[in-house]
PDB file of N, CA and C in Angstrom:
ATOM      1  N   GLY A   1     -15.029  27.380   5.111  1.00  0.00           N
ATOM      2  CA  GLY A   1     -16.035  26.418   5.637  1.00  0.00           C
ATOM      3  C   GLY A   1     -16.039  25.023   4.934  1.00  0.00           C
ATOM      4  N   ILE A   2     -15.716  25.062   3.603  1.00  0.00           N
ATOM      5  CA  ILE A   2     -15.630  23.813   2.810  1.00  0.00           C
ATOM      6  C   ILE A   2     -14.403  23.024   3.447  1.00  0.00           C
ATOM      7  N   SER A   3     -13.371  23.628   3.654  1.00  0.00           N
ATOM      8  CA  SER A   3     -12.128  23.049   4.092  1.00  0.00           C
ATOM      9  C   SER A   3     -12.236  22.489   5.493  1.00  0.00           C
ATOM     10  N   ARG A   4     -13.008  23.263   6.415  1.00  0.00           N
ATOM     11  CA  ARG A   4     -13.210  22.849   7.722  1.00  0.00           C
ATOM     12  C   ARG A   4     -14.124  21.625   7.697  1.00  0.00           C
ATOM     13  N   SER A   5     -15.208  21.655   6.906  1.00  0.00           N
ATOM     14  CA  SER A   5     -16.184  20.746   6.975  1.00  0.00           C
ATOM     15  C   SER A   5     -15.533  19.285   6.505  1.00  0.00           C
ATOM     16  N   LEU A   6     -14.613  19.295   5.534  1.00  0.00           N
ATOM     17  CA  LEU A   6     -14.228  18.063   4.909  1.00  0.00           C
ATOM     18  C   LEU A   6     -12.732  17.636   5.407  1.00  0.00           C
ATOM     19  N   TYR A   7     -11.946  18.604   5.771  1.00  0.00           N
ATOM     20  CA  TYR A   7     -10.512  18.221   5.816  1.00  0.00           C
ATOM     21  C   TYR A   7      -9.866  18.565   7.286  1.00  0.00           C
ATOM     22  N   GLU A   8      -9.936  19.757   7.655  1.00  0.00           N
ATOM     23  CA  GLU A   8      -9.275  20.346   8.861  1.00  0.00           C
ATOM     24  C   GLU A   8      -9.712  19.730  10.207  1.00  0.00           C
ATOM     25  N   GLU A   9      -8.553  19.294  10.802  1.00  0.00           N
ATOM     26  CA  GLU A   9      -8.891  18.767  12.185  1.00  0.00           C
ATOM     27  C   GLU A   9      -7.479  18.855  12.913  1.00  0.00           C
ATOM     28  N   VAL A  10      -7.465  19.435  14.150  1.00  0.00           N
ATOM     29  CA  VAL A  10      -6.263  19.607  14.956  1.00  0.00           C
ATOM     30  C   VAL A  10      -6.069  18.297  15.646  1.00  0.00           C
ATOM     31  N   ALA A  11      -5.189  17.577  15.649  1.00  0.00           N
ATOM     32  CA  ALA A  11      -4.804  16.386  16.455  1.00  0.00           C
ATOM     33  C   ALA A  11      -3.856  16.706  17.691  1.00  0.00           C
ATOM     34  N   PHE A  12      -4.203  16.176  18.690  1.00  0.00           N
ATOM     35  CA  PHE A  12      -3.251  16.306  20.019  1.00  0.00           C
ATOM     36  C   PHE A  12      -2.967  14.875  20.474  1.00  0.00           C
ATOM     37  N   ASP A  13      -1.873  14.895  21.244  1.00  0.00           N
ATOM     38  CA  ASP A  13      -1.599  13.879  22.190  1.00  0.00           C
ATOM     39  C   ASP A  13      -1.595  14.413  23.735  1.00  0.00           C
ATOM     40  N   ALA A  14      -1.160  13.521  24.547  1.00  0.00           N
ATOM     41  CA  ALA A  14      -1.165  14.093  26.061  1.00  0.00           C
ATOM     42  C   ALA A  14      -0.386  15.200  26.157  1.00  0.00           C
ATOM     43  N   GLU A  15       0.491  15.643  25.369  1.00  0.00           N
ATOM     44  CA  GLU A  15       1.550  16.772  25.530  1.00  0.00           C
ATOM     45  C   GLU A  15       1.604  17.763  24.674  1.00  0.00           C
ATOM     46  N   LYS A  16       1.157  17.658  23.348  1.00  0.00           N
ATOM     47  CA  LYS A  16       1.333  18.612  22.335  1.00  0.00           C
ATOM     48  C   LYS A  16       0.315  18.564  21.248  1.00  0.00           C
ATOM     49  N   VAL A  17       0.199  19.393  20.434  1.00  0.00           N
ATOM     50  CA  VAL A  17      -0.410  19.484  19.231  1.00  0.00           C
ATOM     51  C   VAL A  17       0.357  18.794  18.128  1.00  0.00           C
ATOM     52  N   LEU A  18      -0.322  17.785  17.452  1.00  0.00           N
ATOM     53  CA  LEU A  18       0.402  16.959  16.430  1.00  0.00           C
ATOM     54  C   LEU A  18       0.165  17.534  15.014  1.00  0.00           C
ATOM     55  N   SER A  19      -0.816  18.246  14.672  1.00  0.00           N
ATOM     56  CA  SER A  19      -1.039  18.802  13.582  1.00  0.00           C
ATOM     57  C   SER A  19      -0.294  20.148  13.363  1.00  0.00           C
ATOM     58  N   ARG A  20       0.928  19.883  12.911  1.00  0.00           N
ATOM     59  CA  ARG A  20       1.999  21.111  12.809  1.00  0.00           C
ATOM     60  C   ARG A  20       2.300  21.498  11.251  1.00  0.00           C
ATOM     61  N   ASP A  21       1.881  20.872  10.361  1.00  0.00           N
ATOM     62  CA  ASP A  21       2.255  21.108   9.028  1.00  0.00           C
ATOM     63  C   ASP A  21       1.052  20.802   8.013  1.00  0.00           C
ATOM     64  N   TRP A  22       1.429  21.014   6.753  1.00  0.00           N
ATOM     65  CA  TRP A  22       0.251  20.789   5.708  1.00  0.00           C
ATOM     66  C   TRP A  22       0.057  19.268   5.525  1.00  0.00           C
ATOM     67  N   ALA A  23       1.023  18.319   5.854  1.00  0.00           N
ATOM     68  CA  ALA A  23       0.856  16.982   5.786  1.00  0.00           C
ATOM     69  C   ALA A  23      -0.086  16.428   6.948  1.00  0.00           C
ATOM     70  N   THR A  24       0.095  16.977   8.249  1.00  0.00           N
ATOM     71  CA  THR A  24      -0.590  16.570   9.264  1.00  0.00           C
ATOM     72  C   THR A  24      -1.899  17.423   9.610  1.00  0.00           C
ATOM     73  N   HIS A  25      -2.093  18.426   8.820  1.00  0.00           N
ATOM     74  CA  HIS A  25      -3.122  19.299   8.949  1.00  0.00           C
ATOM     75  C   HIS A  25      -3.686  19.692   7.509  1.00  0.00           C
ATOM     76  N   PRO A  26      -4.299  18.849   6.941  1.00  0.00           N
ATOM     77  CA  PRO A  26      -4.779  19.017   5.457  1.00  0.00           C
ATOM     78  C   PRO A  26      -5.713  20.144   5.350  1.00  0.00           C
ATOM     79  N   THR A  27      -5.738  20.889   4.209  1.00  0.00           N
ATOM     80  CA  THR A  27      -6.759  21.786   4.076  1.00  0.00           C
ATOM     81  C   THR A  27      -7.155  21.701   2.549  1.00  0.00           C
ATOM     82  N   LEU A  28      -8.323  22.342   2.238  1.00  0.00           N
ATOM     83  CA  LEU A  28      -8.831  22.392   0.810  1.00  0.00           C
ATOM     84  C   LEU A  28      -7.666  22.933  -0.109  1.00  0.00           C
ATOM     85  N   THR A  29      -7.617  22.190  -1.222  1.00  0.00           N
ATOM     86  CA  THR A  29      -6.616  22.631  -2.223  1.00  0.00           C
ATOM     87  C   THR A  29      -7.537  23.133  -3.547  1.00  0.00           C
ATOM     88  N   HIS A  30      -6.745  23.704  -4.410  1.00  0.00           N
ATOM     89  CA  HIS A  30      -7.541  24.220  -5.656  1.00  0.00           C
ATOM     90  C   HIS A  30      -8.136  23.045  -6.319  1.00  0.00           C
ATOM     91  N   LEU A  31      -7.528  21.968  -6.419  1.00  0.00           N
ATOM     92  CA  LEU A  31      -8.160  20.864  -7.003  1.00  0.00           C
ATOM     93  C   LEU A  31      -9.321  20.386  -6.386  1.00  0.00           C
ATOM     94  N   ASP A  32      -9.586  20.588  -4.974  1.00  0.00           N
ATOM     95  CA  ASP A  32     -10.758  20.142  -4.343  1.00  0.00           C
ATOM     96  C   ASP A  32     -11.790  21.282  -4.374  1.00  0.00           C
ATOM     97  N   ALA A  33     -11.518  22.443  -4.626  1.00  0.00           N
ATOM     98  CA  ALA A  33     -12.379  23.658  -4.418  1.00  0.00           C
ATOM     99  C   ALA A  33     -13.450  23.623  -5.642  1.00  0.00           C
ATOM    100  N   PRO A  34     -14.513  24.232  -5.548  1.00  0.00           N
ATOM    101  CA  PRO A  34     -15.528  24.233  -6.577  1.00  0.00           C
ATOM    102  C   PRO A  34     -15.072  25.103  -7.613  1.00  0.00           C
ATOM    103  N   ALA A  35     -15.321  24.900  -8.970  1.00  0.00           N
ATOM    104  CA  ALA A  35     -14.799  25.792 -10.044  1.00  0.00           C
ATOM    105  C   ALA A  35     -15.131  27.294  -9.973  1.00  0.00           C
ATOM    106  N   GLN A  36     -16.249  27.432  -9.286  1.00  0.00           N
ATOM    107  CA  GLN A  36     -16.856  28.816  -9.106  1.00  0.00           C
ATOM    108  C   GLN A  36     -17.416  29.079  -7.785  1.00  0.00           C
ATOM    109  N   ILE A  37     -17.280  30.059  -7.188  1.00  0.00           N
ATOM    110  CA  ILE A  37     -18.064  30.337  -5.854  1.00  0.00           C
ATOM    111  C   ILE A  37     -18.616  31.891  -6.119  1.00  0.00           C
ATOM    112  N   ASP A  38     -19.828  31.923  -5.989  1.00  0.00           N
ATOM    113  CA  ASP A  38     -20.485  33.284  -6.172  1.00  0.00           C
ATOM    114  C   ASP A  38     -20.481  34.006  -4.693  1.00  0.00           C
ATOM    115  N   VAL A  39     -20.020  35.141  -4.552  1.00  0.00           N
ATOM    116  CA  VAL A  39     -19.853  35.825  -3.371  1.00  0.00           C
ATOM    117  C   VAL A  39     -20.789  37.064  -3.493  1.00  0.00           C
ATOM    118  N   VAL A  40     -21.660  37.257  -2.529  1.00  0.00           N
ATOM    119  CA  VAL A  40     -22.531  38.426  -2.337  1.00  0.00           C
ATOM    120  C   VAL A  40     -22.027  39.308  -1.020  1.00  0.00           C
ATOM    121  N   LEU A  41     -21.718  40.501  -1.446  1.00  0.00           N
ATOM    122  CA  LEU A  41     -21.213  41.445  -0.358  1.00  0.00           C
ATOM    123  C   LEU A  41     -22.482  42.360  -0.008  1.00  0.00           C
ATOM    124  N   VAL A  42     -22.821  42.574   1.126  1.00  0.00           N
ATOM    125  CA  VAL A  42     -23.857  43.295   1.719  1.00  0.00           C
ATOM    126  C   VAL A  42     -23.392  44.612   2.402  1.00  0.00           C
ATOM    127  N   ASN A  43     -23.693  45.695   1.747  1.00  0.00           N
ATOM    128  CA  ASN A  43     -23.288  47.064   2.344  1.00  0.00           C
ATOM    129  C   ASN A  43     -24.219  47.303   3.441  1.00  0.00           C
ATOM    130  N   GLY A  44     -23.616  48.127   4.430  1.00  0.00           N
ATOM    131  CA  GLY A  44     -24.349  48.563   5.547  1.00  0.00           C
ATOM    132  C   GLY A  44     -23.906  47.937   6.844  1.00  0.00           C
ATOM    133  N   ASP A  45     -24.343  48.508   7.996  1.00  0.00           N
ATOM    134  CA  ASP A  45     -24.032  48.129   9.334  1.00  0.00           C
ATOM    135  C   ASP A  45     -24.942  47.024   9.672  1.00  0.00           C
ATOM    136  N   PRO A  46     -24.366  45.754  10.254  1.00  0.00           N
ATOM    137  CA  PRO A  46     -25.233  44.747  10.432  1.00  0.00           C
ATOM    138  C   PRO A  46     -25.911  45.074  11.899  1.00  0.00           C
ATOM    139  N   ASN A  47     -25.518  46.057  12.657  1.00  0.00           N
ATOM    140  CA  ASN A  47     -25.993  46.280  13.856  1.00  0.00           C
ATOM    141  C   ASN A  47     -26.285  47.759  14.015  1.00  0.00           C
ATOM    142  N   PRO A  48     -27.235  48.335  13.076  1.00  0.00           N
ATOM    143  CA  PRO A  48     -27.520  49.756  13.251  1.00  0.00           C
ATOM    144  C   PRO A  48     -28.131  50.368  14.471  1.00  0.00           C
ATOM    145  N   ASN A  49     -28.697  49.480  15.235  1.00  0.00           N
ATOM    146  CA  ASN A  49     -29.219  50.060  16.485  1.00  0.00           C
ATOM    147  C   ASN A  49     -28.385  49.736  17.663  1.00  0.00           C
ATOM    148  N   ARG A  50     -27.152  49.218  17.380  1.00  0.00           N
ATOM    149  CA  ARG A  50     -26.190  48.738  18.533  1.00  0.00           C
ATOM    150  C   ARG A  50     -24.860  49.287  18.077  1.00  0.00           C
ATOM    151  N   PRO A  51     -24.594  50.666  18.334  1.00  0.00           N
ATOM    152  CA  PRO A  51     -23.288  51.054  17.928  1.00  0.00           C
ATOM    153  C   PRO A  51     -22.067  50.694  18.711  1.00  0.00           C
ATOM    154  N   ASP A  52     -22.534  50.029  19.837  1.00  0.00           N
ATOM    155  CA  ASP A  52     -21.292  49.379  20.746  1.00  0.00           C
ATOM    156  C   ASP A  52     -20.917  48.107  20.021  1.00  0.00           C
ATOM    157  N   LEU A  53     -21.565  47.525  19.262  1.00  0.00           N
ATOM    158  CA  LEU A  53     -21.092  46.265  18.609  1.00  0.00           C
ATOM    159  C   LEU A  53     -20.197  46.642  17.270  1.00  0.00           C
ATOM    160  N   PRO A  54     -19.285  45.758  17.126  1.00  0.00           N
ATOM    161  CA  PRO A  54     -18.266  46.124  16.041  1.00  0.00           C
ATOM    162  C   PRO A  54     -18.942  45.524  14.580  1.00  0.00           C
ATOM    163  N   HIS A  55     -18.373  45.985  13.619  1.00  0.00           N
ATOM    164  CA  HIS A  55     -18.709  45.632  12.274  1.00  0.00           C
ATOM    165  C   HIS A  55     -18.243  44.192  12.200  1.00  0.00           C
ATOM    166  N   TYR A  56     -18.913  43.292  11.310  1.00  0.00           N
ATOM    167  CA  TYR A  56     -18.586  41.809  11.090  1.00  0.00           C
ATOM    168  C   TYR A  56     -17.594  41.851  10.075  1.00  0.00           C
ATOM    169  N   GLY A  57     -16.645  40.933  10.090  1.00  0.00           N
ATOM    170  CA  GLY A  57     -15.772  40.667   8.967  1.00  0.00           C
ATOM    171  C   GLY A  57     -16.398  39.855   7.829  1.00  0.00           C
ATOM    172  N   ALA A  58     -15.750  39.694   6.741  1.00  0.00           N
ATOM    173  CA  ALA A  58     -16.451  38.952   5.626  1.00  0.00           C
ATOM    174  C   ALA A  58     -15.971  37.352   5.543  1.00  0.00           C
ATOM    175  N   GLY A  59     -15.049  36.949   6.444  1.00  0.00           N
ATOM    176  CA  GLY A  59     -14.361  35.654   6.269  1.00  0.00           C
ATOM    177  C   GLY A  59     -14.989  34.570   7.124  1.00  0.00           C
ATOM    178  N   GLU A  60     -14.566  34.716   8.486  1.00  0.00           N
ATOM    179  CA  GLU A  60     -14.724  33.811   9.461  1.00  0.00           C
ATOM    180  C   GLU A  60     -16.158  33.597   9.703  1.00  0.00           C
ATOM    181  N   ALA A  61     -16.971  34.671   9.684  1.00  0.00           N
ATOM    182  CA  ALA A  61     -18.332  34.596   9.979  1.00  0.00           C
ATOM    183  C   ALA A  61     -19.024  33.691   9.014  1.00  0.00           C
ATOM    184  N   SER A  62     -18.586  33.374   7.676  1.00  0.00           N
ATOM    185  CA  SER A  62     -19.160  32.563   6.817  1.00  0.00           C
ATOM    186  C   SER A  62     -18.938  31.119   6.919  1.00  0.00           C
ATOM    187  N   MET A  63     -18.158  30.779   7.863  1.00  0.00           N
ATOM    188  CA  MET A  63     -17.806  29.271   7.932  1.00  0.00           C
ATOM    189  C   MET A  63     -18.891  28.381   8.530  1.00  0.00           C
ATOM    190  N   LYS A  64     -19.434  28.913   9.688  1.00  0.00           N
ATOM    191  CA  LYS A  64     -20.529  28.105  10.264  1.00  0.00           C
ATOM    192  C   LYS A  64     -21.695  27.678   9.494  1.00  0.00           C
ATOM    193  N   PRO A  65     -22.212  28.651   8.555  1.00  0.00           N
ATOM    194  CA  PRO A  65     -23.348  28.199   7.748  1.00  0.00           C
ATOM    195  C   PRO A  65     -22.862  27.228   6.819  1.00  0.00           C
ATOM    196  N   VAL A  66     -21.593  27.322   6.223  1.00  0.00           N
ATOM    197  CA  VAL A  66     -21.153  26.349   5.170  1.00  0.00           C
ATOM    198  C   VAL A  66     -21.037  24.914   5.760  1.00  0.00           C
ATOM    199  N   ILE A  67     -20.501  24.883   7.164  1.00  0.00           N
ATOM    200  CA  ILE A  67     -20.409  23.742   7.714  1.00  0.00           C
ATOM    201  C   ILE A  67     -21.810  22.974   7.952  1.00  0.00           C
ATOM    202  N   ALA A  68     -22.702  23.749   8.412  1.00  0.00           N
ATOM    203  CA  ALA A  68     -24.143  23.236   8.592  1.00  0.00           C
ATOM    204  C   ALA A  68     -24.789  22.784   7.276  1.00  0.00           C
ATOM    205  N   ALA A  69     -24.497  23.517   6.287  1.00  0.00           N
ATOM    206  CA  ALA A  69     -24.991  23.144   4.928  1.00  0.00           C
ATOM    207  C   ALA A  69     -24.446  21.618   4.325  1.00  0.00           C
ATOM    208  N   VAL A  70     -23.251  21.690   4.632  1.00  0.00           N
ATOM    209  CA  VAL A  70     -22.540  20.318   4.356  1.00  0.00           C
ATOM    210  C   VAL A  70     -23.033  19.176   5.074  1.00  0.00           C
ATOM    211  N   ALA A  71     -23.213  19.377   6.411  1.00  0.00           N
ATOM    212  CA  ALA A  71     -23.854  18.376   7.333  1.00  0.00           C
ATOM    213  C   ALA A  71     -25.266  18.160   6.905  1.00  0.00           C
ATOM    214  N   ASN A  72     -26.004  18.905   6.583  1.00  0.00           N
ATOM    215  CA  ASN A  72     -27.285  18.772   6.116  1.00  0.00           C
ATOM    216  C   ASN A  72     -27.432  18.060   4.744  1.00  0.00           C
ATOM    217  N   ALA A  73     -26.513  18.309   3.985  1.00  0.00           N
ATOM    218  CA  ALA A  73     -26.486  17.641   2.702  1.00  0.00           C
ATOM    219  C   ALA A  73     -26.041  16.211   2.851  1.00  0.00           C
ATOM    220  N   ILE A  74     -25.245  15.869   3.794  1.00  0.00           N
ATOM    221  CA  ILE A  74     -24.701  14.538   4.128  1.00  0.00           C
ATOM    222  C   ILE A  74     -25.914  13.601   4.720  1.00  0.00           C
ATOM    223  N   PHE A  75     -26.836  14.539   5.636  1.00  0.00           N
ATOM    224  CA  PHE A  75     -27.991  13.965   6.220  1.00  0.00           C
ATOM    225  C   PHE A  75     -29.000  13.399   5.085  1.00  0.00           C
ATOM    226  N   ASP A  76     -29.230  14.496   4.253  1.00  0.00           N
ATOM    227  CA  ASP A  76     -30.211  14.388   3.226  1.00  0.00           C
ATOM    228  C   ASP A  76     -29.784  13.156   2.322  1.00  0.00           C
ATOM    229  N   ALA A  77     -28.445  12.962   1.966  1.00  0.00           N
ATOM    230  CA  ALA A  77     -28.140  11.870   1.013  1.00  0.00           C
ATOM    231  C   ALA A  77     -28.076  10.416   1.767  1.00  0.00           C
ATOM    232  N   THR A  78     -27.756  10.512   3.082  1.00  0.00           N
ATOM    233  CA  THR A  78     -27.513   9.254   3.710  1.00  0.00           C
ATOM    234  C   THR A  78     -28.583   8.843   4.763  1.00  0.00           C
ATOM    235  N   GLY A  79     -29.189   9.883   5.418  1.00  0.00           N
ATOM    236  CA  GLY A  79     -30.138   9.627   6.495  1.00  0.00           C
ATOM    237  C   GLY A  79     -29.390   9.704   7.920  1.00  0.00           C
ATOM    238  N   VAL A  80     -28.119   9.826   7.944  1.00  0.00           N
ATOM    239  CA  VAL A  80     -27.374   9.878   9.190  1.00  0.00           C
ATOM    240  C   VAL A  80     -26.792  11.287   9.474  1.00  0.00           C
ATOM    241  N   ARG A  81     -27.011  11.589  10.775  1.00  0.00           N
ATOM    242  CA  ARG A  81     -26.645  13.090  11.209  1.00  0.00           C
ATOM    243  C   ARG A  81     -25.196  12.926  11.891  1.00  0.00           C
ATOM    244  N   LEU A  82     -24.329  13.739  11.091  1.00  0.00           N
ATOM    245  CA  LEU A  82     -22.747  13.716  11.637  1.00  0.00           C
ATOM    246  C   LEU A  82     -22.734  15.004  12.569  1.00  0.00           C
ATOM    247  N   ARG A  83     -22.133  14.975  13.575  1.00  0.00           N
ATOM    248  CA  ARG A  83     -21.993  16.253  14.524  1.00  0.00           C
ATOM    249  C   ARG A  83     -20.575  16.614  14.933  1.00  0.00           C
ATOM    250  N   ARG A  84     -19.586  15.964  14.238  1.00  0.00           N
ATOM    251  CA  ARG A  84     -18.280  16.280  14.481  1.00  0.00           C
ATOM    252  C   ARG A  84     -17.580  16.448  13.215  1.00  0.00           C
ATOM    253  N   VAL A  85     -16.915  17.588  12.990  1.00  0.00           N
ATOM    254  CA  VAL A  85     -16.029  17.812  11.806  1.00  0.00           C
ATOM    255  C   VAL A  85     -14.624  17.378  11.944  1.00  0.00           C
ATOM    256  N   PRO A  86     -13.922  17.082  10.867  1.00  0.00           N
ATOM    257  CA  PRO A  86     -14.396  17.151   9.583  1.00  0.00           C
ATOM    258  C   PRO A  86     -15.337  15.907   9.271  1.00  0.00           C
ATOM    259  N   PHE A  87     -16.052  16.028   8.290  1.00  0.00           N
ATOM    260  CA  PHE A  87     -16.866  14.976   7.717  1.00  0.00           C
ATOM    261  C   PHE A  87     -16.055  13.924   6.709  1.00  0.00           C
ATOM    262  N   ARG A  88     -15.174  13.345   7.328  1.00  0.00           N
ATOM    263  CA  ARG A  88     -14.231  12.633   6.404  1.00  0.00           C
ATOM    264  C   ARG A  88     -15.085  11.181   5.966  1.00  0.00           C
ATOM    265  N   LYS A  89     -14.634  10.578   5.034  1.00  0.00           N
ATOM    266  CA  LYS A  89     -15.237   9.333   4.440  1.00  0.00           C
ATOM    267  C   LYS A  89     -15.319   8.263   5.519  1.00  0.00           C
ATOM    268  N   GLU A  90     -14.291   8.123   6.352  1.00  0.00           N
ATOM    269  CA  GLU A  90     -14.450   7.090   7.458  1.00  0.00           C
ATOM    270  C   GLU A  90     -15.589   7.443   8.560  1.00  0.00           C
ATOM    271  N   ARG A  91     -15.619   8.668   8.821  1.00  0.00           N
ATOM    272  CA  ARG A  91     -16.821   9.066   9.805  1.00  0.00           C
ATOM    273  C   ARG A  91     -18.180   8.788   9.143  1.00  0.00           C
ATOM    274  N   VAL A  92     -18.244   9.069   7.870  1.00  0.00           N
ATOM    275  CA  VAL A  92     -19.506   8.904   7.261  1.00  0.00           C
ATOM    276  C   VAL A  92     -19.837   7.427   7.191  1.00  0.00           C
ATOM    277  N   LEU A  93     -18.856   6.632   6.880  1.00  0.00           N
ATOM    278  CA  LEU A  93     -19.053   5.072   6.791  1.00  0.00           C
ATOM    279  C   LEU A  93     -19.318   4.615   8.078  1.00  0.00           C
ATOM    280  N   ALA A  94     -18.658   4.956   9.270  1.00  0.00           N
ATOM    281  CA  ALA A  94     -18.859   4.542  10.515  1.00  0.00           C
ATOM    282  C   ALA A  94     -20.358   4.975  10.960  1.00  0.00           C
ATOM    283  N   ALA A  95     -20.917   6.111  10.743  1.00  0.00           N
ATOM    284  CA  ALA A  95     -22.131   6.506  11.080  1.00  0.00           C
ATOM    285  C   ALA A  95     -23.204   5.702  10.349  1.00  0.00           C
ATOM    286  N   LEU A  96     -22.913   5.340   8.998  1.00  0.00           N
ATOM    287  CA  LEU A  96     -23.772   4.512   8.162  1.00  0.00           C
ATOM    288  C   LEU A  96     -23.827   3.052   8.913  1.00  0.00           C
ATOM    289  N   ASN A  97     -22.734   2.513   9.302  1.00  0.00           N
ATOM    290  CA  ASN A  97     -22.564   1.228   9.833  1.00  0.00           C
ATOM    291  C   ASN A  97     -23.307   1.254  11.224  1.00  0.00           C
ATOM    292  N   ALA A  98     -23.085   2.286  11.988  1.00  0.00           N
ATOM    293  CA  ALA A  98     -23.792   2.346  13.238  1.00  0.00           C
ATOM    294  C   ALA A  98     -25.341   2.417  13.053  1.00  0.00           C
ATOM    295  N   ALA A  99     -25.888   3.154  12.118  1.00  0.00           N
ATOM    296  CA  ALA A  99     -27.214   3.272  11.767  1.00  0.00           C
ATOM    297  C   ALA A  99     -27.931   1.845  11.354  1.00  0.00           C
ATOM    298  N   LYS A 100     -27.118   1.093  10.672  1.00  0.00           N
ATOM    299  CA  LYS A 100     -27.535  -0.333  10.330  1.00  0.00           C
ATOM    300  C   LYS A 100     -27.709  -1.288  11.369  1.00  0.00           C
ATOM    301  N   ALA A 101     -26.913  -1.108  12.498  1.00  0.00           N
ATOM    302  CA  ALA A 101     -26.884  -2.004  13.683  1.00  0.00           C
ATOM    303  C   ALA A 101     -27.898  -1.858  14.630  1.00  0.00           C
TER     304      ALA A 101
END
């Protein structure tokens, strides 16, 4: 979620995907990651009354709340709401400038 919030974006032109390698599709590195991340695993079926629904995984489902938390932190710090990821510096500055206008 942190990587998607701050770095990851797939670029396209009229014919193809342009983000094809680590240089054109940057992701979070160890240097950018928090020193510690606390993980809580919850045992049990998330849908005990719905046996027709599958169990959830532990990875992808956690991305959206992280993105929302980063967006809310930016809003709390700046007063501007960003609605498109990644929340790069240029987008934050553009939103701040637009809010001033």
